[in-house]
Amino acid sequence: MNELILILLSSIKLLGGYPIPEQLPIVHLVSHAVLEEKACRKPCQILGWFSLETNEIYLDETLDLKGSVLARSVLLHELVHYVQQVSGKFDGKSDCESWTLREKEAYAIQNRWLFEQGSITLNLMMLNLGACLHGQ
């Protein structure tokens, strides 16, 4: 797993300009139920989540990281959140503004990476952005 993480962090450096962190994040492969509880607190469609409190990444254990470019892109997306947090790039912004900026950047890097992998880009984008903006 560390080899894959380093490869993806190298891609993030090229696509997003973030340096490769000295310390790699802890990545947990967990059941979908655990992922839902941690990230959504209710049933939801989620494959990966980054904890701002612990700087740890949680991935759905059913993701085929070896065989699926899309699955690896989920890990890459969460790694973008890790480097964002380590860099402090969005510190000092409101929770909603920070979340929105983090997600926009993570999806932009994920989409560019998928395109470079020759994947038919689904143009992945944020869901539930309106809830954050309306709740502000």
C-alpha atoms as a PDB file:
ATOM      1  CA  MET A   1       0.000   0.000   0.000  1.00  0.00           C
ATOM      2  CA  ASN A   2       2.841   2.448   0.787  1.00  0.00           C
ATOM      3  CA  GLU A   3       4.220   2.067  -2.735  1.00  0.00           C
ATOM      4  CA  LEU A   4       0.836   2.970  -4.230  1.00  0.00           C
ATOM      5  CA  ILE A   5       0.498   5.917  -1.844  1.00  0.00           C
ATOM      6  CA  LEU A   6       3.913   7.250  -2.896  1.00  0.00           C
ATOM      7  CA  ILE A   7       3.058   6.891  -6.588  1.00  0.00           C
ATOM      8  CA  LEU A   8      -0.213   8.757  -6.091  1.00  0.00           C
ATOM      9  CA  LEU A   9       1.467  11.459  -3.995  1.00  0.00           C
ATOM     10  CA  SER A  10       3.957  11.953  -6.828  1.00  0.00           C
ATOM     11  CA  SER A  11       1.033  12.483  -9.194  1.00  0.00           C
ATOM     12  CA  ILE A  12      -0.529  14.960  -6.768  1.00  0.00           C
ATOM     13  CA  LYS A  13       2.775  16.841  -6.656  1.00  0.00           C
ATOM     14  CA  LEU A  14       2.810  17.096 -10.457  1.00  0.00           C
ATOM     15  CA  LEU A  15      -0.873  17.969 -10.815  1.00  0.00           C
ATOM     16  CA  GLY A  16      -1.431  20.096  -7.726  1.00  0.00           C
ATOM     17  CA  GLY A  17       1.982  21.394  -6.736  1.00  0.00           C
ATOM     18  CA  TYR A  18       1.917  19.901  -3.236  1.00  0.00           C
ATOM     19  CA  PRO A  19       5.207  18.561  -1.878  1.00  0.00           C
ATOM     20  CA  ILE A  20       5.291  14.909  -0.902  1.00  0.00           C
ATOM     21  CA  PRO A  21       4.813  14.844   2.886  1.00  0.00           C
ATOM     22  CA  GLU A  22       7.555  13.393   5.060  1.00  0.00           C
ATOM     23  CA  GLN A  23       5.044  11.139   6.802  1.00  0.00           C
ATOM     24  CA  LEU A  24       2.570   8.973   4.920  1.00  0.00           C
ATOM     25  CA  PRO A  25      -1.033   8.896   6.123  1.00  0.00           C
ATOM     26  CA  ILE A  26      -2.576   5.891   7.786  1.00  0.00           C
ATOM     27  CA  VAL A  27      -5.084   4.263   5.444  1.00  0.00           C
ATOM     28  CA  HIS A  28      -7.819   2.049   6.872  1.00  0.00           C
ATOM     29  CA  LEU A  29      -9.762  -0.396   4.708  1.00  0.00           C
ATOM     30  CA  VAL A  30     -13.153  -0.693   6.403  1.00  0.00           C
ATOM     31  CA  SER A  31     -16.631  -2.012   5.726  1.00  0.00           C
ATOM     32  CA  HIS A  32     -19.095   0.269   3.986  1.00  0.00           C
ATOM     33  CA  ALA A  33     -21.147   0.420   7.207  1.00  0.00           C
ATOM     34  CA  VAL A  34     -18.145   1.726   9.173  1.00  0.00           C
ATOM     35  CA  LEU A  35     -17.412   4.265   6.443  1.00  0.00           C
ATOM     36  CA  GLU A  36     -21.019   5.485   6.477  1.00  0.00           C
ATOM     37  CA  GLU A  37     -20.978   5.849  10.254  1.00  0.00           C
ATOM     38  CA  LYS A  38     -17.704   7.780  10.311  1.00  0.00           C
ATOM     39  CA  ALA A  39     -18.376  10.052   7.340  1.00  0.00           C
ATOM     40  CA  CYS A  40     -22.142  10.460   7.049  1.00  0.00           C
ATOM     41  CA  ARG A  41     -23.652   9.262  10.324  1.00  0.00           C
ATOM     42  CA  LYS A  42     -26.380   7.690   8.126  1.00  0.00           C
ATOM     43  CA  PRO A  43     -26.591   5.545   4.995  1.00  0.00           C
ATOM     44  CA  CYS A  44     -24.828   7.258   2.083  1.00  0.00           C
ATOM     45  CA  GLN A  45     -22.952   6.554  -1.117  1.00  0.00           C
ATOM     46  CA  ILE A  46     -19.346   6.974  -0.071  1.00  0.00           C
ATOM     47  CA  LEU A  47     -16.175   5.142  -1.030  1.00  0.00           C
ATOM     48  CA  GLY A  48     -13.542   7.148   0.830  1.00  0.00           C
ATOM     49  CA  TRP A  49     -13.228   9.692   3.613  1.00  0.00           C
ATOM     50  CA  PHE A  50     -10.437  11.751   5.159  1.00  0.00           C
ATOM     51  CA  SER A  51     -10.664  12.576   8.865  1.00  0.00           C
ATOM     52  CA  LEU A  52      -9.537  16.140   9.591  1.00  0.00           C
ATOM     53  CA  GLU A  53      -9.306  15.227  13.279  1.00  0.00           C
ATOM     54  CA  THR A  54      -6.909  12.293  12.919  1.00  0.00           C
ATOM     55  CA  ASN A  55      -5.404  12.885   9.431  1.00  0.00           C
ATOM     56  CA  GLU A  56      -6.336   9.299   8.562  1.00  0.00           C
ATOM     57  CA  ILE A  57      -7.947   7.982   5.396  1.00  0.00           C
ATOM     58  CA  TYR A  58     -10.800   5.475   5.392  1.00  0.00           C
ATOM     59  CA  LEU A  59     -11.594   3.494   2.244  1.00  0.00           C
ATOM     60  CA  ASP A  60     -14.340   1.026   1.462  1.00  0.00           C
ATOM     61  CA  GLU A  61     -12.687  -2.383   1.716  1.00  0.00           C
ATOM     62  CA  THR A  62     -14.405  -3.527  -1.479  1.00  0.00           C
ATOM     63  CA  LEU A  63     -12.371  -1.097  -3.624  1.00  0.00           C
ATOM     64  CA  ASP A  64     -10.069  -2.958  -6.022  1.00  0.00           C
ATOM     65  CA  LEU A  65      -6.990  -0.736  -5.673  1.00  0.00           C
ATOM     66  CA  LYS A  66      -4.836  -3.045  -7.788  1.00  0.00           C
ATOM     67  CA  GLY A  67      -7.237  -3.617 -10.648  1.00  0.00           C
ATOM     68  CA  SER A  68      -9.317  -0.470 -10.923  1.00  0.00           C
ATOM     69  CA  VAL A  69      -8.170   2.984 -11.996  1.00  0.00           C
ATOM     70  CA  LEU A  70     -11.373   4.449 -10.578  1.00  0.00           C
ATOM     71  CA  ALA A  71     -10.702   2.813  -7.196  1.00  0.00           C
ATOM     72  CA  ARG A  72      -7.166   4.226  -7.166  1.00  0.00           C
ATOM     73  CA  SER A  73      -8.638   7.632  -7.995  1.00  0.00           C
ATOM     74  CA  VAL A  74     -10.706   7.453  -4.798  1.00  0.00           C
ATOM     75  CA  LEU A  75      -7.501   6.964  -2.811  1.00  0.00           C
ATOM     76  CA  LEU A  76      -5.849   9.794  -4.765  1.00  0.00           C
ATOM     77  CA  HIS A  77      -8.792  12.091  -3.919  1.00  0.00           C
ATOM     78  CA  GLU A  78      -8.424  11.345  -0.202  1.00  0.00           C
ATOM     79  CA  LEU A  79      -4.645  11.798  -0.437  1.00  0.00           C
ATOM     80  CA  VAL A  80      -5.276  15.278  -1.866  1.00  0.00           C
ATOM     81  CA  HIS A  81      -7.203  16.035   1.332  1.00  0.00           C
ATOM     82  CA  TYR A  82      -4.257  14.727   3.347  1.00  0.00           C
ATOM     83  CA  VAL A  83      -1.734  17.021   1.628  1.00  0.00           C
ATOM     84  CA  GLN A  84      -4.153  19.941   1.888  1.00  0.00           C
ATOM     85  CA  GLN A  85      -4.351  19.394   5.642  1.00  0.00           C
ATOM     86  CA  VAL A  86      -0.610  18.909   6.118  1.00  0.00           C
ATOM     87  CA  SER A  87       0.128  22.055   4.094  1.00  0.00           C
ATOM     88  CA  GLY A  88      -2.427  24.182   5.951  1.00  0.00           C
ATOM     89  CA  LYS A  89      -3.521  25.650   2.615  1.00  0.00           C
ATOM     90  CA  PHE A  90      -7.122  26.244   3.696  1.00  0.00           C
ATOM     91  CA  ASP A  91      -6.539  27.159   7.338  1.00  0.00           C
ATOM     92  CA  GLY A  92      -8.298  30.292   8.533  1.00  0.00           C
ATOM     93  CA  LYS A  93     -11.368  29.894   6.347  1.00  0.00           C
ATOM     94  CA  SER A  94     -14.881  29.083   7.538  1.00  0.00           C
ATOM     95  CA  ASP A  95     -15.697  25.370   7.743  1.00  0.00           C
ATOM     96  CA  CYS A  96     -18.030  25.559   4.752  1.00  0.00           C
ATOM     97  CA  GLU A  97     -15.677  27.639   2.608  1.00  0.00           C
ATOM     98  CA  SER A  98     -12.741  25.401   3.493  1.00  0.00           C
ATOM     99  CA  TRP A  99     -14.733  22.241   2.700  1.00  0.00           C
ATOM    100  CA  THR A 100     -15.899  23.650  -0.632  1.00  0.00           C
ATOM    101  CA  LEU A 101     -12.409  24.720  -1.711  1.00  0.00           C
ATOM    102  CA  ARG A 102     -10.886  21.411  -0.586  1.00  0.00           C
ATOM    103  CA  GLU A 103     -13.454  19.380  -2.511  1.00  0.00           C
ATOM    104  CA  LYS A 104     -13.216  21.477  -5.681  1.00  0.00           C
ATOM    105  CA  GLU A 105      -9.454  21.074  -5.749  1.00  0.00           C
ATOM    106  CA  ALA A 106      -9.552  17.350  -4.891  1.00  0.00           C
ATOM    107  CA  TYR A 107     -12.060  16.640  -7.665  1.00  0.00           C
ATOM    108  CA  ALA A 108     -10.101  18.750 -10.160  1.00  0.00           C
ATOM    109  CA  ILE A 109      -6.891  16.817  -9.432  1.00  0.00           C
ATOM    110  CA  GLN A 110      -8.766  13.489  -9.470  1.00  0.00           C
ATOM    111  CA  ASN A 111     -10.344  14.264 -12.844  1.00  0.00           C
ATOM    112  CA  ARG A 112      -7.020  15.349 -14.352  1.00  0.00           C
ATOM    113  CA  TRP A 113      -5.365  12.191 -13.031  1.00  0.00           C
ATOM    114  CA  LEU A 114      -8.128   9.997 -14.458  1.00  0.00           C
ATOM    115  CA  PHE A 115      -7.737  11.733 -17.825  1.00  0.00           C
ATOM    116  CA  GLU A 116      -3.973  11.110 -17.767  1.00  0.00           C
ATOM    117  CA  GLN A 117      -4.616   7.455 -16.973  1.00  0.00           C
ATOM    118  CA  GLY A 118      -6.611   7.205 -20.189  1.00  0.00           C
ATOM    119  CA  SER A 119      -9.801   6.638 -18.266  1.00  0.00           C
ATOM    120  CA  ILE A 120     -13.043   7.854 -19.734  1.00  0.00           C
ATOM    121  CA  THR A 121     -13.457  10.754 -17.368  1.00  0.00           C
ATOM    122  CA  LEU A 122     -16.748  10.769 -15.593  1.00  0.00           C
ATOM    123  CA  ASN A 123     -15.989  14.368 -14.637  1.00  0.00           C
ATOM    124  CA  LEU A 124     -16.467  13.494 -11.015  1.00  0.00           C
ATOM    125  CA  MET A 125     -17.792  16.358  -8.974  1.00  0.00           C
ATOM    126  CA  MET A 126     -19.006  17.232  -5.561  1.00  0.00           C
ATOM    127  CA  LEU A 127     -22.352  16.120  -4.294  1.00  0.00           C
ATOM    128  CA  ASN A 128     -24.293  18.004  -1.637  1.00  0.00           C
ATOM    129  CA  LEU A 129     -22.440  21.273  -2.148  1.00  0.00           C
ATOM    130  CA  GLY A 130     -25.726  23.129  -1.788  1.00  0.00           C
ATOM    131  CA  ALA A 131     -26.255  21.782   1.734  1.00  0.00           C
ATOM    132  CA  CYS A 132     -23.027  23.388   2.891  1.00  0.00           C
ATOM    133  CA  LEU A 133     -23.683  26.698   1.181  1.00  0.00           C
ATOM    134  CA  HIS A 134     -27.292  26.935   2.369  1.00  0.00           C
ATOM    135  CA  GLY A 135     -26.352  25.962   5.903  1.00  0.00           C
ATOM    136  CA  GLN A 136     -23.822  28.752   6.249  1.00  0.00           C
END
